[in-house]
């Protein structure tokens, strides 16, 4: 049994999350900025389908990437050096979150309209960000997530061409490293993220890390559009 949350963003300890399904912690609450910020600072995120109440999760273990430990394969490095692409930050956040939802419509998506509205609001406040891969003026891939303190929480990515989301991901890692962000949260374990340097750490360690990282860092603000450009050698 999980608790039903009241009117204030007061979450139970992440250690109380269920083992099956892994990480389910609580239900109810709201998707307003105060709720989302309180959740992310505690290592908790919303994930639910249409017709369900808001469900809050904190899985154990947690997959993370440390920005200075991103793994780039030889073939991806070649793509980064040679492809005719442009990476932009926060150029069109609504288009990115819509594309993430649309590319999952056939298999079902948790990126409901209420989720889209909530994260677009967080983007307007300077907390949610997009990293976008463009070719010839066309958005072909990207990702979005939340930045709180010196932690970045990846939410979803999409790709309409080979490696388009990987290009965005490694540029994000470089951008975060240059600005002294310490962790890139991937939430769930996947082989795709593991291939890019993701690794599992105990949830307890992750939450302790956030206790420090979310209390420090740059103030919320829109990221510079060309901030992710970097030479690849």
C-alpha atoms as a PDB file:
ATOM      1  CA  UNK A   1       0.000   0.000   0.000  1.00  0.00           C
ATOM      2  CA  UNK A   2       1.278   3.452  -0.899  1.00  0.00           C
ATOM      3  CA  UNK A   3       0.208   6.710   0.787  1.00  0.00           C
ATOM      4  CA  UNK A   4      -2.145   9.240  -0.773  1.00  0.00           C
ATOM      5  CA  UNK A   5      -0.571  12.699  -0.641  1.00  0.00           C
ATOM      6  CA  UNK A   6      -2.366  15.681   0.851  1.00  0.00           C
ATOM      7  CA  UNK A   7      -2.501  19.345  -0.112  1.00  0.00           C
ATOM      8  CA  UNK A   8       1.179  20.135   0.558  1.00  0.00           C
ATOM      9  CA  UNK A   9       4.250  18.730  -1.251  1.00  0.00           C
ATOM     10  CA  UNK A  10       5.331  16.578   1.693  1.00  0.00           C
ATOM     11  CA  UNK A  11       6.696  13.297   0.354  1.00  0.00           C
ATOM     12  CA  UNK A  12       7.517  10.173   2.351  1.00  0.00           C
ATOM     13  CA  UNK A  13      11.142   9.067   2.399  1.00  0.00           C
ATOM     14  CA  UNK A  14      12.227   7.468  -0.861  1.00  0.00           C
ATOM     15  CA  UNK A  15      13.336   4.463   1.185  1.00  0.00           C
ATOM     16  CA  UNK A  16       9.637   3.601   1.640  1.00  0.00           C
ATOM     17  CA  UNK A  17       9.104   3.005  -2.079  1.00  0.00           C
ATOM     18  CA  UNK A  18       7.848  -0.415  -3.113  1.00  0.00           C
ATOM     19  CA  UNK A  19      10.159  -3.086  -4.468  1.00  0.00           C
ATOM     20  CA  UNK A  20       7.437  -4.316  -6.828  1.00  0.00           C
ATOM     21  CA  UNK A  21       6.743  -2.303  -8.866  1.00  0.00           C
ATOM     22  CA  UNK A  22      10.221  -0.976  -8.293  1.00  0.00           C
ATOM     23  CA  UNK A  23      10.152   2.558  -6.923  1.00  0.00           C
ATOM     24  CA  UNK A  24       6.434   3.299  -6.617  1.00  0.00           C
ATOM     25  CA  UNK A  25       6.250   5.651  -3.631  1.00  0.00           C
ATOM     26  CA  UNK A  26       3.007   7.624  -3.458  1.00  0.00           C
ATOM     27  CA  UNK A  27      -0.071   8.858  -5.327  1.00  0.00           C
ATOM     28  CA  UNK A  28      -1.927  12.131  -5.540  1.00  0.00           C
ATOM     29  CA  UNK A  29      -0.563  15.621  -5.206  1.00  0.00           C
ATOM     30  CA  UNK A  30      -0.172  18.001  -8.121  1.00  0.00           C
ATOM     31  CA  UNK A  31       2.140  18.848 -11.005  1.00  0.00           C
ATOM     32  CA  UNK A  32       2.688  22.438  -9.942  1.00  0.00           C
ATOM     33  CA  UNK A  33       6.216  23.880  -9.622  1.00  0.00           C
ATOM     34  CA  UNK A  34       6.339  23.517  -5.829  1.00  0.00           C
ATOM     35  CA  UNK A  35       5.421  19.828  -6.032  1.00  0.00           C
ATOM     36  CA  UNK A  36       7.866  19.078  -8.846  1.00  0.00           C
ATOM     37  CA  UNK A  37      10.779  20.865  -7.199  1.00  0.00           C
ATOM     38  CA  UNK A  38      10.114  19.176  -3.858  1.00  0.00           C
ATOM     39  CA  UNK A  39      10.023  15.806  -5.617  1.00  0.00           C
ATOM     40  CA  UNK A  40      13.188  16.182  -7.677  1.00  0.00           C
ATOM     41  CA  UNK A  41      15.191  17.426  -4.694  1.00  0.00           C
ATOM     42  CA  UNK A  42      14.319  14.120  -2.983  1.00  0.00           C
ATOM     43  CA  UNK A  43      15.051  11.877  -5.971  1.00  0.00           C
ATOM     44  CA  UNK A  44      11.366  11.422  -6.854  1.00  0.00           C
ATOM     45  CA  UNK A  45       9.624  11.942 -10.186  1.00  0.00           C
ATOM     46  CA  UNK A  46       6.053  11.633 -11.582  1.00  0.00           C
ATOM     47  CA  UNK A  47       5.192   8.825 -13.986  1.00  0.00           C
ATOM     48  CA  UNK A  48       1.639   7.791 -14.790  1.00  0.00           C
ATOM     49  CA  UNK A  49      -0.764   7.143 -17.661  1.00  0.00           C
ATOM     50  CA  UNK A  50      -3.935   8.933 -18.718  1.00  0.00           C
ATOM     51  CA  UNK A  51      -6.816   8.006 -16.441  1.00  0.00           C
ATOM     52  CA  UNK A  52      -4.532   7.296 -13.471  1.00  0.00           C
ATOM     53  CA  UNK A  53      -3.841   9.520 -10.472  1.00  0.00           C
ATOM     54  CA  UNK A  54      -0.416  11.140 -10.350  1.00  0.00           C
ATOM     55  CA  UNK A  55       2.051   8.424  -9.311  1.00  0.00           C
ATOM     56  CA  UNK A  56       5.437   9.279  -7.803  1.00  0.00           C
ATOM     57  CA  UNK A  57       8.488   7.035  -8.171  1.00  0.00           C
ATOM     58  CA  UNK A  58      12.019   6.578  -6.859  1.00  0.00           C
ATOM     59  CA  UNK A  59      13.514   3.318  -8.175  1.00  0.00           C
ATOM     60  CA  UNK A  60      16.386   1.422  -6.597  1.00  0.00           C
ATOM     61  CA  UNK A  61      19.018   1.165  -7.978  1.00  0.00           C
ATOM     62  CA  UNK A  62      19.171   4.436  -9.906  1.00  0.00           C
ATOM     63  CA  UNK A  63      20.885   4.771 -13.277  1.00  0.00           C
ATOM     64  CA  UNK A  64      23.037   7.872 -13.549  1.00  0.00           C
ATOM     65  CA  UNK A  65      25.763   9.302 -15.765  1.00  0.00           C
ATOM     66  CA  UNK A  66      28.548  11.350 -14.276  1.00  0.00           C
ATOM     67  CA  UNK A  67      29.113  14.004 -16.968  1.00  0.00           C
ATOM     68  CA  UNK A  68      32.892  13.616 -17.046  1.00  0.00           C
ATOM     69  CA  UNK A  69      32.507   9.857 -17.586  1.00  0.00           C
ATOM     70  CA  UNK A  70      30.327   9.898 -20.712  1.00  0.00           C
ATOM     71  CA  UNK A  71      31.187   7.004 -23.030  1.00  0.00           C
ATOM     72  CA  UNK A  72      31.516   7.800 -26.730  1.00  0.00           C
ATOM     73  CA  UNK A  73      32.066   4.941 -29.163  1.00  0.00           C
ATOM     74  CA  UNK A  74      34.371   5.303 -32.132  1.00  0.00           C
ATOM     75  CA  UNK A  75      31.454   5.379 -34.573  1.00  0.00           C
ATOM     76  CA  UNK A  76      29.579   7.998 -32.541  1.00  0.00           C
ATOM     77  CA  UNK A  77      32.720  10.121 -32.242  1.00  0.00           C
ATOM     78  CA  UNK A  78      33.015  10.026 -36.037  1.00  0.00           C
ATOM     79  CA  UNK A  79      29.404  11.171 -36.324  1.00  0.00           C
ATOM     80  CA  UNK A  80      30.032  14.006 -33.861  1.00  0.00           C
ATOM     81  CA  UNK A  81      32.982  15.219 -35.942  1.00  0.00           C
ATOM     82  CA  UNK A  82      31.574  14.819 -39.418  1.00  0.00           C
ATOM     83  CA  UNK A  83      27.773  15.067 -39.423  1.00  0.00           C
ATOM     84  CA  UNK A  84      26.067  18.187 -40.733  1.00  0.00           C
ATOM     85  CA  UNK A  85      24.097  18.940 -37.615  1.00  0.00           C
ATOM     86  CA  UNK A  86      23.521  21.780 -35.172  1.00  0.00           C
ATOM     87  CA  UNK A  87      22.831  21.348 -31.471  1.00  0.00           C
ATOM     88  CA  UNK A  88      20.682  23.969 -29.782  1.00  0.00           C
ATOM     89  CA  UNK A  89      19.625  24.437 -26.172  1.00  0.00           C
ATOM     90  CA  UNK A  90      16.153  25.667 -25.219  1.00  0.00           C
ATOM     91  CA  UNK A  91      15.436  26.704 -28.786  1.00  0.00           C
ATOM     92  CA  UNK A  92      12.006  25.012 -28.932  1.00  0.00           C
ATOM     93  CA  UNK A  93      11.217  23.176 -25.705  1.00  0.00           C
ATOM     94  CA  UNK A  94       7.507  22.593 -26.522  1.00  0.00           C
ATOM     95  CA  UNK A  95       8.440  20.942 -29.842  1.00  0.00           C
ATOM     96  CA  UNK A  96      10.841  18.579 -28.072  1.00  0.00           C
ATOM     97  CA  UNK A  97       8.410  17.422 -25.408  1.00  0.00           C
ATOM     98  CA  UNK A  98       5.674  16.970 -28.041  1.00  0.00           C
ATOM     99  CA  UNK A  99       8.036  14.920 -30.207  1.00  0.00           C
ATOM    100  CA  UNK A 100       8.983  12.744 -27.229  1.00  0.00           C
ATOM    101  CA  UNK A 101       5.279  12.053 -26.671  1.00  0.00           C
ATOM    102  CA  UNK A 102       4.430  11.488 -30.333  1.00  0.00           C
ATOM    103  CA  UNK A 103       7.225   8.997 -30.994  1.00  0.00           C
ATOM    104  CA  UNK A 104       5.791   6.789 -28.223  1.00  0.00           C
ATOM    105  CA  UNK A 105       2.123   6.953 -29.170  1.00  0.00           C
ATOM    106  CA  UNK A 106       2.055   3.458 -30.659  1.00  0.00           C
ATOM    107  CA  UNK A 107       3.463   1.866 -27.483  1.00  0.00           C
ATOM    108  CA  UNK A 108       1.821   4.196 -24.978  1.00  0.00           C
ATOM    109  CA  UNK A 109       3.302   7.256 -23.340  1.00  0.00           C
ATOM    110  CA  UNK A 110       3.390   8.768 -19.876  1.00  0.00           C
ATOM    111  CA  UNK A 111       3.997  12.182 -21.468  1.00  0.00           C
ATOM    112  CA  UNK A 112       0.341  13.138 -21.172  1.00  0.00           C
ATOM    113  CA  UNK A 113      -0.997  16.595 -21.909  1.00  0.00           C
ATOM    114  CA  UNK A 114      -0.874  17.400 -18.191  1.00  0.00           C
ATOM    115  CA  UNK A 115       2.805  16.393 -18.083  1.00  0.00           C
ATOM    116  CA  UNK A 116       3.547  18.516 -21.145  1.00  0.00           C
ATOM    117  CA  UNK A 117       1.799  21.531 -19.650  1.00  0.00           C
ATOM    118  CA  UNK A 118       3.620  21.106 -16.317  1.00  0.00           C
ATOM    119  CA  UNK A 119       7.096  20.858 -17.820  1.00  0.00           C
ATOM    120  CA  UNK A 120       6.511  23.698 -20.270  1.00  0.00           C
ATOM    121  CA  UNK A 121       5.684  25.783 -17.192  1.00  0.00           C
ATOM    122  CA  UNK A 122       8.921  24.606 -15.531  1.00  0.00           C
ATOM    123  CA  UNK A 123      10.765  25.606 -18.712  1.00  0.00           C
ATOM    124  CA  UNK A 124       9.245  29.081 -18.520  1.00  0.00           C
ATOM    125  CA  UNK A 125      10.563  29.284 -14.947  1.00  0.00           C
ATOM    126  CA  UNK A 126      14.070  28.265 -16.041  1.00  0.00           C
ATOM    127  CA  UNK A 127      14.154  24.743 -14.552  1.00  0.00           C
ATOM    128  CA  UNK A 128      13.259  22.484 -17.486  1.00  0.00           C
ATOM    129  CA  UNK A 129      15.530  22.438 -20.541  1.00  0.00           C
ATOM    130  CA  UNK A 130      15.758  20.899 -23.987  1.00  0.00           C
ATOM    131  CA  UNK A 131      18.777  19.815 -25.995  1.00  0.00           C
ATOM    132  CA  UNK A 132      17.967  19.628 -29.697  1.00  0.00           C
ATOM    133  CA  UNK A 133      19.614  18.166 -32.782  1.00  0.00           C
ATOM    134  CA  UNK A 134      18.838  20.067 -35.994  1.00  0.00           C
ATOM    135  CA  UNK A 135      19.767  19.394 -39.635  1.00  0.00           C
ATOM    136  CA  UNK A 136      18.949  21.908 -42.358  1.00  0.00           C
ATOM    137  CA  UNK A 137      16.420  23.655 -40.123  1.00  0.00           C
ATOM    138  CA  UNK A 138      14.629  20.412 -39.171  1.00  0.00           C
ATOM    139  CA  UNK A 139      14.398  19.113 -35.607  1.00  0.00           C
ATOM    140  CA  UNK A 140      15.498  15.466 -35.893  1.00  0.00           C
ATOM    141  CA  UNK A 141      16.152  14.487 -32.267  1.00  0.00           C
ATOM    142  CA  UNK A 142      16.661  15.673 -28.756  1.00  0.00           C
ATOM    143  CA  UNK A 143      15.820  15.339 -25.092  1.00  0.00           C
ATOM    144  CA  UNK A 144      14.391  17.288 -22.194  1.00  0.00           C
ATOM    145  CA  UNK A 145      14.816  17.266 -18.432  1.00  0.00           C
ATOM    146  CA  UNK A 146      15.055  19.268 -15.231  1.00  0.00           C
ATOM    147  CA  UNK A 147      18.018  21.133 -13.744  1.00  0.00           C
ATOM    148  CA  UNK A 148      17.936  21.677  -9.978  1.00  0.00           C
ATOM    149  CA  UNK A 149      21.122  22.945  -8.391  1.00  0.00           C
ATOM    150  CA  UNK A 150      23.995  20.962  -9.889  1.00  0.00           C
ATOM    151  CA  UNK A 151      21.900  17.916 -10.791  1.00  0.00           C
ATOM    152  CA  UNK A 152      20.217  17.333 -14.141  1.00  0.00           C
ATOM    153  CA  UNK A 153      17.319  14.892 -14.382  1.00  0.00           C
ATOM    154  CA  UNK A 154      16.769  13.459 -17.844  1.00  0.00           C
ATOM    155  CA  UNK A 155      13.127  12.806 -18.649  1.00  0.00           C
ATOM    156  CA  UNK A 156      12.804  11.593 -22.231  1.00  0.00           C
ATOM    157  CA  UNK A 157      14.498  11.651 -25.624  1.00  0.00           C
ATOM    158  CA  UNK A 158      13.484  11.062 -29.222  1.00  0.00           C
ATOM    159  CA  UNK A 159      15.256  10.396 -32.497  1.00  0.00           C
ATOM    160  CA  UNK A 160      13.958  10.664 -36.059  1.00  0.00           C
ATOM    161  CA  UNK A 161      17.341   9.815 -37.595  1.00  0.00           C
ATOM    162  CA  UNK A 162      20.203   7.564 -36.589  1.00  0.00           C
ATOM    163  CA  UNK A 163      22.119   8.831 -33.540  1.00  0.00           C
ATOM    164  CA  UNK A 164      20.144  12.096 -33.319  1.00  0.00           C
ATOM    165  CA  UNK A 165      19.286  11.607 -29.647  1.00  0.00           C
ATOM    166  CA  UNK A 166      22.803  10.359 -28.851  1.00  0.00           C
ATOM    167  CA  UNK A 167      24.241  13.532 -30.353  1.00  0.00           C
ATOM    168  CA  UNK A 168      22.017  15.598 -28.053  1.00  0.00           C
ATOM    169  CA  UNK A 169      22.902  13.448 -25.044  1.00  0.00           C
ATOM    170  CA  UNK A 170      26.676  13.710 -25.365  1.00  0.00           C
ATOM    171  CA  UNK A 171      26.478  17.453 -26.019  1.00  0.00           C
ATOM    172  CA  UNK A 172      24.365  17.744 -22.876  1.00  0.00           C
ATOM    173  CA  UNK A 173      26.997  15.841 -20.874  1.00  0.00           C
ATOM    174  CA  UNK A 174      29.738  18.152 -22.173  1.00  0.00           C
ATOM    175  CA  UNK A 175      27.640  21.221 -21.348  1.00  0.00           C
ATOM    176  CA  UNK A 176      26.944  19.938 -17.825  1.00  0.00           C
ATOM    177  CA  UNK A 177      30.590  19.078 -17.211  1.00  0.00           C
ATOM    178  CA  UNK A 178      31.715  22.537 -18.268  1.00  0.00           C
ATOM    179  CA  UNK A 179      29.263  24.114 -15.815  1.00  0.00           C
ATOM    180  CA  UNK A 180      30.166  21.874 -12.881  1.00  0.00           C
ATOM    181  CA  UNK A 181      26.992  19.811 -12.803  1.00  0.00           C
ATOM    182  CA  UNK A 182      27.877  16.610 -10.961  1.00  0.00           C
ATOM    183  CA  UNK A 183      25.256  14.077 -12.003  1.00  0.00           C
ATOM    184  CA  UNK A 184      22.903  13.362 -14.899  1.00  0.00           C
ATOM    185  CA  UNK A 185      20.015  11.244 -13.649  1.00  0.00           C
ATOM    186  CA  UNK A 186      18.637   8.681 -16.112  1.00  0.00           C
ATOM    187  CA  UNK A 187      15.931   7.340 -13.753  1.00  0.00           C
ATOM    188  CA  UNK A 188      15.509   3.864 -15.266  1.00  0.00           C
ATOM    189  CA  UNK A 189      18.128   1.364 -16.406  1.00  0.00           C
ATOM    190  CA  UNK A 190      18.341   0.759 -20.155  1.00  0.00           C
ATOM    191  CA  UNK A 191      21.014  -0.749 -22.380  1.00  0.00           C
ATOM    192  CA  UNK A 192      20.911   2.381 -24.525  1.00  0.00           C
ATOM    193  CA  UNK A 193      21.899   4.602 -21.595  1.00  0.00           C
ATOM    194  CA  UNK A 194      24.406   2.061 -20.295  1.00  0.00           C
ATOM    195  CA  UNK A 195      26.151   2.224 -23.678  1.00  0.00           C
ATOM    196  CA  UNK A 196      26.620   5.971 -23.118  1.00  0.00           C
ATOM    197  CA  UNK A 197      28.199   5.564 -19.697  1.00  0.00           C
ATOM    198  CA  UNK A 198      25.169   5.109 -17.488  1.00  0.00           C
ATOM    199  CA  UNK A 199      25.650   3.014 -14.375  1.00  0.00           C
ATOM    200  CA  UNK A 200      23.537   1.942 -11.466  1.00  0.00           C
ATOM    201  CA  UNK A 201      24.060   3.302  -7.962  1.00  0.00           C
ATOM    202  CA  UNK A 202      22.031   2.575  -4.814  1.00  0.00           C
ATOM    203  CA  UNK A 203      19.074   4.885  -4.340  1.00  0.00           C
ATOM    204  CA  UNK A 204      20.361   5.770  -0.874  1.00  0.00           C
ATOM    205  CA  UNK A 205      23.614   7.059  -2.376  1.00  0.00           C
ATOM    206  CA  UNK A 206      21.717   9.000  -5.035  1.00  0.00           C
ATOM    207  CA  UNK A 207      19.467  10.721  -2.489  1.00  0.00           C
ATOM    208  CA  UNK A 208      22.474  11.636  -0.312  1.00  0.00           C
ATOM    209  CA  UNK A 209      24.155  13.102  -3.390  1.00  0.00           C
ATOM    210  CA  UNK A 210      21.107  15.267  -4.064  1.00  0.00           C
ATOM    211  CA  UNK A 211      21.138  16.597  -0.495  1.00  0.00           C
ATOM    212  CA  UNK A 212      24.339  18.411  -1.447  1.00  0.00           C
ATOM    213  CA  UNK A 213      23.887  19.097  -5.143  1.00  0.00           C
ATOM    214  CA  UNK A 214      20.397  20.597  -5.065  1.00  0.00           C
ATOM    215  CA  UNK A 215      21.403  23.184  -2.451  1.00  0.00           C
ATOM    216  CA  UNK A 216      24.039  24.749  -4.700  1.00  0.00           C
ATOM    217  CA  UNK A 217      24.366  25.778  -8.309  1.00  0.00           C
ATOM    218  CA  UNK A 218      23.281  28.400 -10.827  1.00  0.00           C
ATOM    219  CA  UNK A 219      19.893  30.084 -10.486  1.00  0.00           C
ATOM    220  CA  UNK A 220      17.148  28.854 -12.824  1.00  0.00           C
ATOM    221  CA  UNK A 221      17.393  30.499 -16.238  1.00  0.00           C
ATOM    222  CA  UNK A 222      17.047  29.670 -19.915  1.00  0.00           C
ATOM    223  CA  UNK A 223      20.207  28.098 -21.305  1.00  0.00           C
ATOM    224  CA  UNK A 224      22.055  29.812 -24.181  1.00  0.00           C
ATOM    225  CA  UNK A 225      20.908  28.369 -27.504  1.00  0.00           C
ATOM    226  CA  UNK A 226      24.453  27.727 -28.751  1.00  0.00           C
ATOM    227  CA  UNK A 227      25.823  26.689 -25.358  1.00  0.00           C
ATOM    228  CA  UNK A 228      26.245  22.998 -26.222  1.00  0.00           C
ATOM    229  CA  UNK A 229      28.569  23.458 -29.179  1.00  0.00           C
ATOM    230  CA  UNK A 230      31.950  21.820 -28.565  1.00  0.00           C
ATOM    231  CA  UNK A 231      34.791  20.419 -30.683  1.00  0.00           C
ATOM    232  CA  UNK A 232      35.054  16.637 -30.779  1.00  0.00           C
ATOM    233  CA  UNK A 233      38.507  15.106 -31.070  1.00  0.00           C
END
